[in-house]
Amino acid sequence: MSKYGDLIKKARETEPENQKAINTSDQISGLPEKEPELEQMVNLCVKVPISQRRYWMSKAKEQGITVTSVIVEALTQKFGEPENQKARKP
């Protein structure tokens, strides 16, 4: 056996007292329960000048919001939400 082979074998055979297995089934993660997504999320690409992108990204970061949320809000205001329309999943 190799130089450390016996040591590794011994470590694998016994479970140290301070490293007992933990039952995670009764633990709560502390994260809010995630609602199941009804639709598949996709990318929406928009070409803009880099100077505007930098400006918008910095403004969004200052306000603690995402540019995605701003774009979705603007599109919803302009066009509204789809009525009774289900997206097909691949």
N, C-alpha and C. Protein backbone atom coordinates (compact mmCIF):
# COMPACT_ATOMS: atom_id res chain seq x y z
N MET A 1 0.82 -1.19 0.00
CA MET A 1 0.00 0.00 0.00
C MET A 1 0.86 1.25 0.00
N SER A 2 0.29 2.35 -0.44
CA SER A 2 1.05 3.58 -0.52
C SER A 2 1.32 4.15 0.88
N LYS A 3 2.04 5.21 0.89
CA LYS A 3 2.46 5.83 2.14
C LYS A 3 1.27 6.20 3.02
N TYR A 4 0.21 6.74 2.40
CA TYR A 4 -0.94 7.18 3.16
C TYR A 4 -2.15 6.26 3.00
N GLY A 5 -1.98 5.15 2.31
CA GLY A 5 -3.07 4.22 2.04
C GLY A 5 -3.72 3.68 3.31
N ASP A 6 -2.89 3.27 4.29
CA ASP A 6 -3.45 2.73 5.55
C ASP A 6 -4.22 3.81 6.30
N LEU A 7 -3.71 5.02 6.30
CA LEU A 7 -4.37 6.12 7.00
C LEU A 7 -5.72 6.44 6.36
N ILE A 8 -5.77 6.44 5.04
CA ILE A 8 -7.02 6.72 4.33
C ILE A 8 -8.02 5.61 4.58
N LYS A 9 -7.55 4.37 4.54
CA LYS A 9 -8.43 3.23 4.77
C LYS A 9 -9.02 3.29 6.18
N LYS A 10 -8.21 3.62 7.16
CA LYS A 10 -8.66 3.70 8.54
C LYS A 10 -9.69 4.82 8.69
N ALA A 11 -9.47 5.93 8.02
CA ALA A 11 -10.39 7.07 8.11
C ALA A 11 -11.74 6.72 7.48
N ARG A 12 -11.73 5.93 6.45
CA ARG A 12 -12.98 5.56 5.78
C ARG A 12 -13.78 4.53 6.60
N GLU A 13 -13.09 3.70 7.37
CA GLU A 13 -13.76 2.65 8.12
C GLU A 13 -14.58 3.19 9.29
N THR A 14 -14.06 4.14 10.00
CA THR A 14 -14.74 4.64 11.19
C THR A 14 -15.28 6.04 10.95
N GLU A 15 -16.42 6.31 11.58
CA GLU A 15 -17.00 7.65 11.50
C GLU A 15 -16.67 8.36 12.80
N PRO A 16 -15.91 9.43 12.74
CA PRO A 16 -15.54 10.14 13.96
C PRO A 16 -16.79 10.62 14.71
N GLU A 17 -16.66 10.67 16.05
CA GLU A 17 -17.80 11.06 16.88
C GLU A 17 -18.26 12.48 16.59
N ASN A 18 -17.34 13.35 16.24
CA ASN A 18 -17.70 14.74 16.00
C ASN A 18 -18.25 14.98 14.59
N GLN A 19 -18.35 13.92 13.78
CA GLN A 19 -18.88 14.07 12.43
C GLN A 19 -20.01 13.09 12.18
N LYS A 20 -20.97 13.05 13.08
CA LYS A 20 -22.14 12.19 12.92
C LYS A 20 -22.98 12.70 11.75
N ALA A 21 -23.68 11.81 11.09
CA ALA A 21 -24.54 12.19 9.98
C ALA A 21 -25.70 13.04 10.49
N ILE A 22 -26.06 14.06 9.73
CA ILE A 22 -27.13 14.97 10.11
C ILE A 22 -28.35 14.66 9.27
N ASN A 23 -29.50 14.59 9.92
CA ASN A 23 -30.76 14.36 9.22
C ASN A 23 -31.28 15.71 8.75
N THR A 24 -31.22 15.95 7.44
CA THR A 24 -31.63 17.25 6.89
C THR A 24 -33.10 17.32 6.54
N SER A 25 -33.83 16.22 6.67
CA SER A 25 -35.23 16.22 6.27
C SER A 25 -36.09 17.07 7.19
N ASP A 26 -35.65 17.31 8.44
CA ASP A 26 -36.46 18.09 9.36
C ASP A 26 -35.99 19.54 9.47
N GLN A 27 -35.08 19.94 8.63
CA GLN A 27 -34.57 21.30 8.68
C GLN A 27 -35.31 22.20 7.70
N ILE A 28 -35.44 23.47 8.07
CA ILE A 28 -36.08 24.46 7.20
C ILE A 28 -34.98 25.32 6.62
N SER A 29 -35.05 25.56 5.31
CA SER A 29 -33.97 26.28 4.63
C SER A 29 -33.96 27.77 4.95
N GLY A 30 -35.08 28.34 5.35
CA GLY A 30 -35.14 29.77 5.61
C GLY A 30 -35.44 30.57 4.36
N LEU A 31 -35.42 29.93 3.22
CA LEU A 31 -35.74 30.60 1.97
C LEU A 31 -37.25 30.52 1.74
N PRO A 32 -37.83 31.53 1.12
CA PRO A 32 -39.27 31.46 0.85
C PRO A 32 -39.58 30.34 -0.13
N GLU A 33 -40.72 29.74 0.05
CA GLU A 33 -41.13 28.67 -0.85
C GLU A 33 -41.27 29.22 -2.25
N LYS A 34 -40.68 28.56 -3.22
CA LYS A 34 -40.70 29.04 -4.59
C LYS A 34 -41.94 28.50 -5.29
N GLU A 35 -42.68 29.41 -5.91
CA GLU A 35 -43.84 28.99 -6.66
C GLU A 35 -43.39 28.34 -7.97
N PRO A 36 -44.07 27.30 -8.40
CA PRO A 36 -43.67 26.65 -9.65
C PRO A 36 -43.90 27.58 -10.83
N GLU A 37 -42.94 27.60 -11.72
CA GLU A 37 -43.05 28.44 -12.92
C GLU A 37 -44.03 27.81 -13.88
N LEU A 38 -44.92 28.62 -14.40
CA LEU A 38 -45.91 28.12 -15.33
C LEU A 38 -45.39 28.15 -16.76
N GLU A 39 -44.51 29.09 -17.04
CA GLU A 39 -43.99 29.24 -18.39
C GLU A 39 -42.48 29.16 -18.39
N GLN A 40 -41.94 28.77 -19.50
CA GLN A 40 -40.50 28.73 -19.68
C GLN A 40 -40.00 30.16 -19.86
N MET A 41 -38.91 30.51 -19.18
CA MET A 41 -38.32 31.84 -19.31
C MET A 41 -37.35 31.82 -20.50
N VAL A 42 -37.36 32.92 -21.29
CA VAL A 42 -36.49 33.03 -22.46
C VAL A 42 -35.78 34.37 -22.44
N ASN A 43 -34.75 34.51 -23.26
CA ASN A 43 -34.01 35.77 -23.38
C ASN A 43 -34.70 36.70 -24.36
N LEU A 44 -34.55 37.99 -24.10
CA LEU A 44 -35.04 39.03 -25.00
C LEU A 44 -33.84 39.94 -25.26
N CYS A 45 -33.31 39.89 -26.46
CA CYS A 45 -32.10 40.65 -26.78
C CYS A 45 -32.46 41.96 -27.47
N VAL A 46 -31.81 43.03 -27.02
CA VAL A 46 -32.03 44.35 -27.60
C VAL A 46 -30.66 44.99 -27.80
N LYS A 47 -30.39 45.44 -29.00
CA LYS A 47 -29.12 46.11 -29.29
C LYS A 47 -29.27 47.60 -28.96
N VAL A 48 -28.37 48.09 -28.09
CA VAL A 48 -28.36 49.51 -27.72
C VAL A 48 -26.92 49.99 -27.72
N PRO A 49 -26.72 51.30 -27.86
CA PRO A 49 -25.36 51.83 -27.77
C PRO A 49 -24.76 51.54 -26.39
N ILE A 50 -23.47 51.25 -26.36
CA ILE A 50 -22.82 50.85 -25.12
C ILE A 50 -22.88 51.96 -24.06
N SER A 51 -22.81 53.21 -24.49
CA SER A 51 -22.86 54.31 -23.53
C SER A 51 -24.21 54.34 -22.80
N GLN A 52 -25.28 54.09 -23.53
CA GLN A 52 -26.60 54.06 -22.90
C GLN A 52 -26.72 52.86 -21.97
N ARG A 53 -26.20 51.73 -22.41
CA ARG A 53 -26.25 50.53 -21.56
C ARG A 53 -25.53 50.77 -20.25
N ARG A 54 -24.34 51.35 -20.31
CA ARG A 54 -23.58 51.64 -19.09
C ARG A 54 -24.35 52.57 -18.17
N TYR A 55 -24.96 53.61 -18.76
CA TYR A 55 -25.72 54.58 -17.97
C TYR A 55 -26.92 53.90 -17.30
N TRP A 56 -27.68 53.12 -18.07
CA TRP A 56 -28.87 52.47 -17.52
C TRP A 56 -28.51 51.45 -16.45
N MET A 57 -27.45 50.70 -16.68
CA MET A 57 -27.03 49.70 -15.69
C MET A 57 -26.60 50.37 -14.39
N SER A 58 -25.88 51.48 -14.48
CA SER A 58 -25.45 52.17 -13.27
C SER A 58 -26.64 52.76 -12.52
N LYS A 59 -27.60 53.33 -13.25
CA LYS A 59 -28.79 53.90 -12.62
C LYS A 59 -29.62 52.81 -11.93
N ALA A 60 -29.74 51.67 -12.58
CA ALA A 60 -30.49 50.56 -11.98
C ALA A 60 -29.80 50.06 -10.71
N LYS A 61 -28.48 49.97 -10.77
CA LYS A 61 -27.72 49.52 -9.60
C LYS A 61 -27.85 50.51 -8.45
N GLU A 62 -27.82 51.81 -8.76
CA GLU A 62 -28.00 52.84 -7.73
C GLU A 62 -29.34 52.68 -7.03
N GLN A 63 -30.38 52.35 -7.78
CA GLN A 63 -31.72 52.24 -7.23
C GLN A 63 -32.02 50.85 -6.68
N GLY A 64 -31.10 49.92 -6.86
CA GLY A 64 -31.28 48.58 -6.32
C GLY A 64 -32.30 47.75 -7.07
N ILE A 65 -32.43 48.00 -8.36
CA ILE A 65 -33.36 47.24 -9.19
C ILE A 65 -32.59 46.66 -10.37
N THR A 66 -33.24 45.80 -11.13
CA THR A 66 -32.59 45.23 -12.30
C THR A 66 -33.14 45.88 -13.56
N VAL A 67 -32.33 45.90 -14.59
CA VAL A 67 -32.77 46.43 -15.88
C VAL A 67 -33.87 45.54 -16.44
N THR A 68 -33.79 44.26 -16.17
CA THR A 68 -34.83 43.33 -16.63
C THR A 68 -36.19 43.74 -16.08
N SER A 69 -36.25 44.06 -14.79
CA SER A 69 -37.53 44.46 -14.20
C SER A 69 -38.06 45.75 -14.82
N VAL A 70 -37.16 46.66 -15.15
CA VAL A 70 -37.57 47.92 -15.79
C VAL A 70 -38.12 47.67 -17.19
N ILE A 71 -37.44 46.80 -17.94
CA ILE A 71 -37.89 46.48 -19.31
C ILE A 71 -39.24 45.79 -19.27
N VAL A 72 -39.41 44.82 -18.37
CA VAL A 72 -40.68 44.10 -18.26
C VAL A 72 -41.80 45.07 -17.88
N GLU A 73 -41.52 45.98 -16.95
CA GLU A 73 -42.51 46.97 -16.54
C GLU A 73 -42.90 47.88 -17.70
N ALA A 74 -41.92 48.33 -18.48
CA ALA A 74 -42.19 49.21 -19.62
C ALA A 74 -43.01 48.48 -20.68
N LEU A 75 -42.66 47.23 -20.98
CA LEU A 75 -43.40 46.47 -21.98
C LEU A 75 -44.83 46.18 -21.51
N THR A 76 -45.00 45.92 -20.23
CA THR A 76 -46.33 45.66 -19.69
C THR A 76 -47.19 46.92 -19.74
N GLN A 77 -46.58 48.07 -19.44
CA GLN A 77 -47.32 49.33 -19.52
C GLN A 77 -47.73 49.63 -20.95
N LYS A 78 -46.85 49.39 -21.88
CA LYS A 78 -47.10 49.71 -23.28
C LYS A 78 -48.11 48.75 -23.92
N PHE A 79 -47.93 47.44 -23.69
CA PHE A 79 -48.73 46.45 -24.40
C PHE A 79 -49.68 45.66 -23.50
N GLY A 80 -49.50 45.72 -22.20
CA GLY A 80 -50.34 44.96 -21.28
C GLY A 80 -49.91 43.51 -21.18
N GLU A 81 -50.72 42.75 -20.43
CA GLU A 81 -50.46 41.32 -20.23
C GLU A 81 -51.28 40.52 -21.25
N PRO A 82 -50.77 39.37 -21.68
CA PRO A 82 -51.56 38.52 -22.59
C PRO A 82 -52.77 37.95 -21.85
N GLU A 83 -53.90 37.84 -22.55
CA GLU A 83 -55.11 37.31 -21.94
C GLU A 83 -55.28 35.84 -22.27
N ASN A 84 -55.37 35.01 -21.24
CA ASN A 84 -55.63 33.58 -21.40
C ASN A 84 -54.74 32.92 -22.45
N GLN A 85 -53.50 33.32 -22.49
CA GLN A 85 -52.59 32.76 -23.48
C GLN A 85 -51.53 31.94 -22.74
N LYS A 86 -51.42 30.69 -23.09
CA LYS A 86 -50.45 29.80 -22.46
C LYS A 86 -49.31 29.57 -23.43
N ALA A 87 -48.09 29.69 -22.94
CA ALA A 87 -46.93 29.43 -23.77
C ALA A 87 -46.72 27.93 -23.85
N ARG A 88 -46.35 27.47 -25.02
CA ARG A 88 -46.06 26.05 -25.20
C ARG A 88 -44.68 25.75 -24.67
N LYS A 89 -44.56 24.63 -23.99
CA LYS A 89 -43.26 24.21 -23.51
C LYS A 89 -42.68 23.21 -24.51
N PRO A 90 -41.38 23.32 -24.79
CA PRO A 90 -40.78 22.40 -25.77
C PRO A 90 -40.74 20.98 -25.27
